[in-house]
Amino acid sequence: MKNVTYMGNAFPHNYADAWDDDRGMMVLEYGNEPKFVNWPDMPRYITIKVSELLEDPDKYLKPKMYVRVTLDIKISYEEANFVRDIHRQIPIERTTTDTRTGGQRTATTC
């Protein structure tokens, strides 16, 4: 045996897999090289700062996505509603907003 290929998970399962979207399956036919096929419709996980998300939401948000947003700037009431209601605009699975104040962490799930 010359090489071992560890396949891992076929798709991300939680935020430990955030931004790790190069997943799918391997097809191995006898006598041929392995073929790696990505799964374009897999669930995805990202963690992102609200400042980055507000700059270009279409760049980051995809269907079947779990999004954890960290508030790193002061935002207006309208921007806060946008982040809260983002799952209505794009068919993402869940948004979580983290705010860090005085060492405490508050998570709001939409």
N, C-alpha and C. Protein backbone atom coordinates (compact mmCIF):
# COMPACT_ATOMS: atom_id res chain seq x y z
N MET A 1 0.84 -1.17 0.00
CA MET A 1 0.00 0.00 0.00
C MET A 1 0.89 1.23 0.00
N LYS A 2 0.72 2.10 -1.01
CA LYS A 2 1.57 3.28 -1.13
C LYS A 2 0.99 4.49 -0.42
N ASN A 3 -0.30 4.78 -0.64
CA ASN A 3 -0.92 5.97 -0.09
C ASN A 3 -2.20 5.63 0.64
N VAL A 4 -2.51 6.44 1.64
CA VAL A 4 -3.77 6.33 2.34
C VAL A 4 -4.46 7.67 2.20
N THR A 5 -5.72 7.66 1.79
CA THR A 5 -6.50 8.89 1.68
C THR A 5 -7.57 8.86 2.74
N TYR A 6 -7.49 9.79 3.67
CA TYR A 6 -8.51 9.90 4.71
C TYR A 6 -9.62 10.79 4.19
N MET A 7 -10.82 10.27 4.10
CA MET A 7 -11.93 11.00 3.51
C MET A 7 -12.54 12.02 4.46
N GLY A 8 -12.70 11.70 5.70
CA GLY A 8 -13.36 12.62 6.62
C GLY A 8 -14.85 12.66 6.40
N ASN A 9 -15.47 13.75 6.82
CA ASN A 9 -16.92 13.91 6.69
C ASN A 9 -17.29 14.39 5.29
N ALA A 10 -18.42 13.94 4.82
CA ALA A 10 -18.88 14.33 3.48
C ALA A 10 -19.41 15.76 3.45
N PHE A 11 -19.76 16.32 4.62
CA PHE A 11 -20.25 17.69 4.69
C PHE A 11 -20.00 18.23 6.09
N PRO A 12 -19.96 19.57 6.25
CA PRO A 12 -19.76 20.16 7.58
C PRO A 12 -20.92 19.81 8.51
N HIS A 13 -20.62 19.64 9.80
CA HIS A 13 -21.64 19.26 10.78
C HIS A 13 -21.94 20.33 11.81
N ASN A 14 -20.98 21.22 12.09
CA ASN A 14 -21.19 22.24 13.10
C ASN A 14 -20.19 23.39 12.89
N TYR A 15 -20.16 24.33 13.81
CA TYR A 15 -19.29 25.50 13.65
C TYR A 15 -17.81 25.17 13.74
N ALA A 16 -17.46 23.99 14.20
CA ALA A 16 -16.05 23.56 14.15
C ALA A 16 -15.60 23.41 12.69
N ASP A 17 -16.54 23.25 11.80
CA ASP A 17 -16.26 23.12 10.37
C ASP A 17 -16.49 24.44 9.61
N ALA A 18 -16.59 25.56 10.32
CA ALA A 18 -16.87 26.84 9.68
C ALA A 18 -15.83 27.15 8.60
N TRP A 19 -16.32 27.60 7.48
CA TRP A 19 -15.53 27.99 6.30
C TRP A 19 -14.83 26.82 5.64
N ASP A 20 -15.10 25.60 6.05
CA ASP A 20 -14.47 24.42 5.45
C ASP A 20 -15.48 23.77 4.51
N ASP A 21 -15.61 24.35 3.32
CA ASP A 21 -16.64 23.91 2.38
C ASP A 21 -16.15 22.95 1.32
N ASP A 22 -14.91 22.56 1.35
CA ASP A 22 -14.37 21.64 0.35
C ASP A 22 -14.65 20.21 0.80
N ARG A 23 -15.91 19.80 0.64
CA ARG A 23 -16.35 18.50 1.11
C ARG A 23 -17.15 17.80 0.02
N GLY A 24 -17.32 16.53 0.14
CA GLY A 24 -18.11 15.78 -0.83
C GLY A 24 -17.85 14.29 -0.71
N MET A 25 -17.55 13.67 -1.85
CA MET A 25 -17.33 12.23 -1.86
C MET A 25 -16.20 11.87 -2.82
N MET A 26 -15.74 10.65 -2.70
CA MET A 26 -14.72 10.14 -3.60
C MET A 26 -15.30 8.95 -4.36
N VAL A 27 -15.06 8.91 -5.66
CA VAL A 27 -15.47 7.78 -6.49
C VAL A 27 -14.19 7.04 -6.87
N LEU A 28 -14.14 5.76 -6.54
CA LEU A 28 -12.96 4.96 -6.82
C LEU A 28 -13.36 3.78 -7.70
N GLU A 29 -12.88 3.80 -8.92
CA GLU A 29 -13.11 2.70 -9.85
C GLU A 29 -11.83 1.89 -9.95
N TYR A 30 -11.99 0.59 -9.96
CA TYR A 30 -10.83 -0.28 -10.00
C TYR A 30 -9.93 0.07 -11.19
N GLY A 31 -8.63 0.26 -10.91
CA GLY A 31 -7.66 0.56 -11.94
C GLY A 31 -7.55 2.03 -12.31
N ASN A 32 -8.38 2.88 -11.75
CA ASN A 32 -8.35 4.31 -12.05
C ASN A 32 -7.96 5.12 -10.83
N GLU A 33 -7.62 6.37 -11.04
CA GLU A 33 -7.32 7.29 -9.95
C GLU A 33 -8.63 7.70 -9.26
N PRO A 34 -8.57 8.00 -7.97
CA PRO A 34 -9.79 8.47 -7.28
C PRO A 34 -10.28 9.79 -7.87
N LYS A 35 -11.58 9.95 -7.92
CA LYS A 35 -12.19 11.21 -8.35
C LYS A 35 -12.90 11.82 -7.15
N PHE A 36 -12.58 13.07 -6.85
CA PHE A 36 -13.20 13.76 -5.72
C PHE A 36 -14.28 14.69 -6.26
N VAL A 37 -15.48 14.58 -5.70
CA VAL A 37 -16.63 15.34 -6.16
C VAL A 37 -17.18 16.16 -4.98
N ASN A 38 -17.20 17.49 -5.14
CA ASN A 38 -17.78 18.35 -4.10
C ASN A 38 -19.30 18.29 -4.16
N TRP A 39 -19.93 18.50 -3.01
CA TRP A 39 -21.38 18.53 -2.91
C TRP A 39 -21.81 19.99 -2.85
N PRO A 40 -22.32 20.54 -3.94
CA PRO A 40 -22.62 21.97 -3.96
C PRO A 40 -23.79 22.39 -3.06
N ASP A 41 -24.71 21.48 -2.74
CA ASP A 41 -25.88 21.82 -1.94
C ASP A 41 -25.77 21.41 -0.47
N MET A 42 -24.56 21.21 0.00
CA MET A 42 -24.37 20.78 1.38
C MET A 42 -24.68 21.92 2.35
N PRO A 43 -25.00 21.59 3.60
CA PRO A 43 -25.12 22.65 4.60
C PRO A 43 -23.75 23.27 4.84
N ARG A 44 -23.73 24.56 5.11
CA ARG A 44 -22.47 25.29 5.34
C ARG A 44 -22.56 26.04 6.65
N TYR A 45 -21.41 26.25 7.26
CA TYR A 45 -21.30 27.01 8.50
C TYR A 45 -20.28 28.12 8.29
N ILE A 46 -20.64 29.34 8.74
CA ILE A 46 -19.66 30.42 8.74
C ILE A 46 -19.78 31.21 10.04
N THR A 47 -18.69 31.81 10.43
CA THR A 47 -18.66 32.79 11.51
C THR A 47 -18.14 34.07 10.87
N ILE A 48 -18.81 35.18 11.13
CA ILE A 48 -18.46 36.42 10.44
C ILE A 48 -18.76 37.62 11.33
N LYS A 49 -17.98 38.66 11.17
CA LYS A 49 -18.23 39.92 11.87
C LYS A 49 -19.35 40.66 11.16
N VAL A 50 -20.18 41.35 11.92
CA VAL A 50 -21.30 42.06 11.32
C VAL A 50 -20.82 43.12 10.34
N SER A 51 -19.66 43.72 10.59
CA SER A 51 -19.14 44.74 9.66
C SER A 51 -18.86 44.13 8.28
N GLU A 52 -18.33 42.93 8.23
CA GLU A 52 -18.07 42.26 6.96
C GLU A 52 -19.38 41.84 6.28
N LEU A 53 -20.31 41.33 7.07
CA LEU A 53 -21.59 40.88 6.52
C LEU A 53 -22.38 42.03 5.91
N LEU A 54 -22.39 43.17 6.58
CA LEU A 54 -23.16 44.30 6.08
C LEU A 54 -22.55 44.91 4.82
N GLU A 55 -21.25 44.74 4.62
CA GLU A 55 -20.60 45.26 3.41
C GLU A 55 -21.13 44.58 2.15
N ASP A 56 -21.27 43.26 2.20
CA ASP A 56 -21.70 42.52 1.01
C ASP A 56 -22.33 41.19 1.41
N PRO A 57 -23.60 41.21 1.86
CA PRO A 57 -24.23 39.96 2.32
C PRO A 57 -24.31 38.89 1.25
N ASP A 58 -24.52 39.28 0.00
CA ASP A 58 -24.65 38.28 -1.07
C ASP A 58 -23.36 37.51 -1.31
N LYS A 59 -22.25 38.10 -0.95
CA LYS A 59 -20.95 37.43 -1.11
C LYS A 59 -20.81 36.26 -0.13
N TYR A 60 -21.41 36.39 1.04
CA TYR A 60 -21.20 35.39 2.10
C TYR A 60 -22.36 34.43 2.29
N LEU A 61 -23.58 34.88 2.07
CA LEU A 61 -24.75 34.08 2.43
C LEU A 61 -25.22 33.21 1.29
N LYS A 62 -25.42 31.96 1.61
CA LYS A 62 -25.86 30.95 0.64
C LYS A 62 -27.00 30.14 1.26
N PRO A 63 -27.83 29.48 0.45
CA PRO A 63 -28.86 28.59 1.01
C PRO A 63 -28.24 27.47 1.84
N LYS A 64 -29.01 26.95 2.77
CA LYS A 64 -28.60 25.86 3.66
C LYS A 64 -27.37 26.23 4.48
N MET A 65 -27.33 27.47 4.95
CA MET A 65 -26.17 27.98 5.68
C MET A 65 -26.55 28.30 7.12
N TYR A 66 -25.64 28.00 8.02
CA TYR A 66 -25.74 28.39 9.41
C TYR A 66 -24.73 29.51 9.61
N VAL A 67 -25.19 30.63 10.16
CA VAL A 67 -24.36 31.82 10.25
C VAL A 67 -24.27 32.27 11.70
N ARG A 68 -23.05 32.46 12.20
CA ARG A 68 -22.83 33.05 13.52
C ARG A 68 -22.21 34.43 13.29
N VAL A 69 -22.96 35.45 13.69
CA VAL A 69 -22.54 36.83 13.47
C VAL A 69 -22.06 37.42 14.78
N THR A 70 -20.86 38.02 14.76
CA THR A 70 -20.30 38.68 15.93
C THR A 70 -20.40 40.18 15.73
N LEU A 71 -21.00 40.86 16.71
CA LEU A 71 -21.12 42.31 16.65
C LEU A 71 -19.77 42.93 17.01
N ASP A 72 -19.12 43.51 16.02
CA ASP A 72 -17.81 44.12 16.24
C ASP A 72 -17.86 45.64 16.09
N ILE A 73 -19.02 46.16 15.70
CA ILE A 73 -19.20 47.61 15.55
C ILE A 73 -20.56 47.97 16.11
N LYS A 74 -20.75 49.25 16.37
CA LYS A 74 -22.08 49.71 16.75
C LYS A 74 -22.90 49.79 15.48
N ILE A 75 -24.11 49.25 15.54
CA ILE A 75 -24.96 49.24 14.36
C ILE A 75 -26.27 49.94 14.67
N SER A 76 -26.91 50.43 13.63
CA SER A 76 -28.19 51.11 13.78
C SER A 76 -29.30 50.10 14.03
N TYR A 77 -30.45 50.61 14.40
CA TYR A 77 -31.61 49.76 14.61
C TYR A 77 -31.98 49.01 13.33
N GLU A 78 -31.90 49.70 12.20
CA GLU A 78 -32.24 49.08 10.92
C GLU A 78 -31.25 47.97 10.57
N GLU A 79 -29.95 48.19 10.83
CA GLU A 79 -28.95 47.15 10.56
C GLU A 79 -29.14 45.96 11.48
N ALA A 80 -29.50 46.20 12.73
CA ALA A 80 -29.76 45.10 13.67
C ALA A 80 -30.95 44.27 13.20
N ASN A 81 -31.98 44.94 12.70
CA ASN A 81 -33.14 44.21 12.17
C ASN A 81 -32.77 43.42 10.93
N PHE A 82 -31.88 43.96 10.10
CA PHE A 82 -31.42 43.23 8.92
C PHE A 82 -30.73 41.94 9.33
N VAL A 83 -29.84 42.01 10.30
CA VAL A 83 -29.14 40.81 10.76
C VAL A 83 -30.12 39.82 11.37
N ARG A 84 -31.06 40.32 12.15
CA ARG A 84 -32.05 39.44 12.78
C ARG A 84 -32.96 38.78 11.75
N ASP A 85 -33.35 39.52 10.73
CA ASP A 85 -34.31 39.02 9.74
C ASP A 85 -33.66 38.43 8.51
N ILE A 86 -32.37 38.25 8.54
CA ILE A 86 -31.64 37.82 7.34
C ILE A 86 -32.10 36.45 6.85
N HIS A 87 -32.54 35.59 7.76
CA HIS A 87 -32.99 34.26 7.35
C HIS A 87 -34.29 34.30 6.55
N ARG A 88 -35.01 35.42 6.60
CA ARG A 88 -36.22 35.55 5.78
C ARG A 88 -35.89 35.95 4.35
N GLN A 89 -34.75 36.61 4.16
CA GLN A 89 -34.37 37.09 2.83
C GLN A 89 -33.67 36.01 2.01
N ILE A 90 -32.91 35.17 2.67
CA ILE A 90 -32.17 34.10 2.01
C ILE A 90 -32.52 32.82 2.77
N PRO A 91 -32.77 31.72 2.09
CA PRO A 91 -33.19 30.51 2.81
C PRO A 91 -32.05 29.85 3.57
N ILE A 92 -31.48 30.61 4.53
CA ILE A 92 -30.44 30.03 5.37
C ILE A 92 -31.10 29.35 6.56
N GLU A 93 -30.39 28.48 7.21
CA GLU A 93 -30.96 27.67 8.28
C GLU A 93 -31.11 28.44 9.59
N ARG A 94 -30.08 29.16 9.98
CA ARG A 94 -30.12 29.82 11.28
C ARG A 94 -29.07 30.92 11.33
N THR A 95 -29.41 32.02 12.01
CA THR A 95 -28.42 33.05 12.30
C THR A 95 -28.31 33.17 13.82
N THR A 96 -27.10 33.33 14.30
CA THR A 96 -26.85 33.54 15.70
C THR A 96 -26.02 34.80 15.83
N THR A 97 -26.44 35.71 16.70
CA THR A 97 -25.72 36.95 16.89
C THR A 97 -25.04 36.91 18.25
N ASP A 98 -23.72 37.09 18.27
CA ASP A 98 -22.96 37.12 19.52
C ASP A 98 -22.58 38.55 19.83
N THR A 99 -22.85 38.97 21.06
CA THR A 99 -22.35 40.26 21.52
C THR A 99 -21.48 40.00 22.72
N ARG A 100 -20.39 40.67 22.79
CA ARG A 100 -19.47 40.49 23.92
C ARG A 100 -19.36 41.81 24.67
N THR A 101 -19.84 41.79 25.92
CA THR A 101 -19.80 42.99 26.74
C THR A 101 -19.28 42.61 28.12
N GLY A 102 -18.21 43.26 28.50
CA GLY A 102 -17.66 43.03 29.84
C GLY A 102 -17.29 41.60 30.11
N GLY A 103 -16.82 40.88 29.09
CA GLY A 103 -16.41 39.51 29.28
C GLY A 103 -17.56 38.51 29.20
N GLN A 104 -18.80 39.01 29.10
CA GLN A 104 -19.94 38.11 28.99
C GLN A 104 -20.29 37.92 27.53
N ARG A 105 -20.87 36.80 27.23
CA ARG A 105 -21.27 36.49 25.86
C ARG A 105 -22.77 36.25 25.84
N THR A 106 -23.45 36.97 24.97
CA THR A 106 -24.87 36.79 24.81
C THR A 106 -25.12 36.30 23.41
N ALA A 107 -25.85 35.22 23.26
CA ALA A 107 -26.14 34.68 21.93
C ALA A 107 -27.65 34.79 21.70
N THR A 108 -28.01 35.37 20.59
CA THR A 108 -29.40 35.47 20.18
C THR A 108 -29.57 34.64 18.92
N THR A 109 -30.47 33.69 18.95
CA THR A 109 -30.69 32.83 17.80
C THR A 109 -32.00 33.21 17.13
N CYS A 110 -31.95 33.36 15.82
CA CYS A 110 -33.15 33.69 15.04
C CYS A 110 -33.60 32.47 14.28
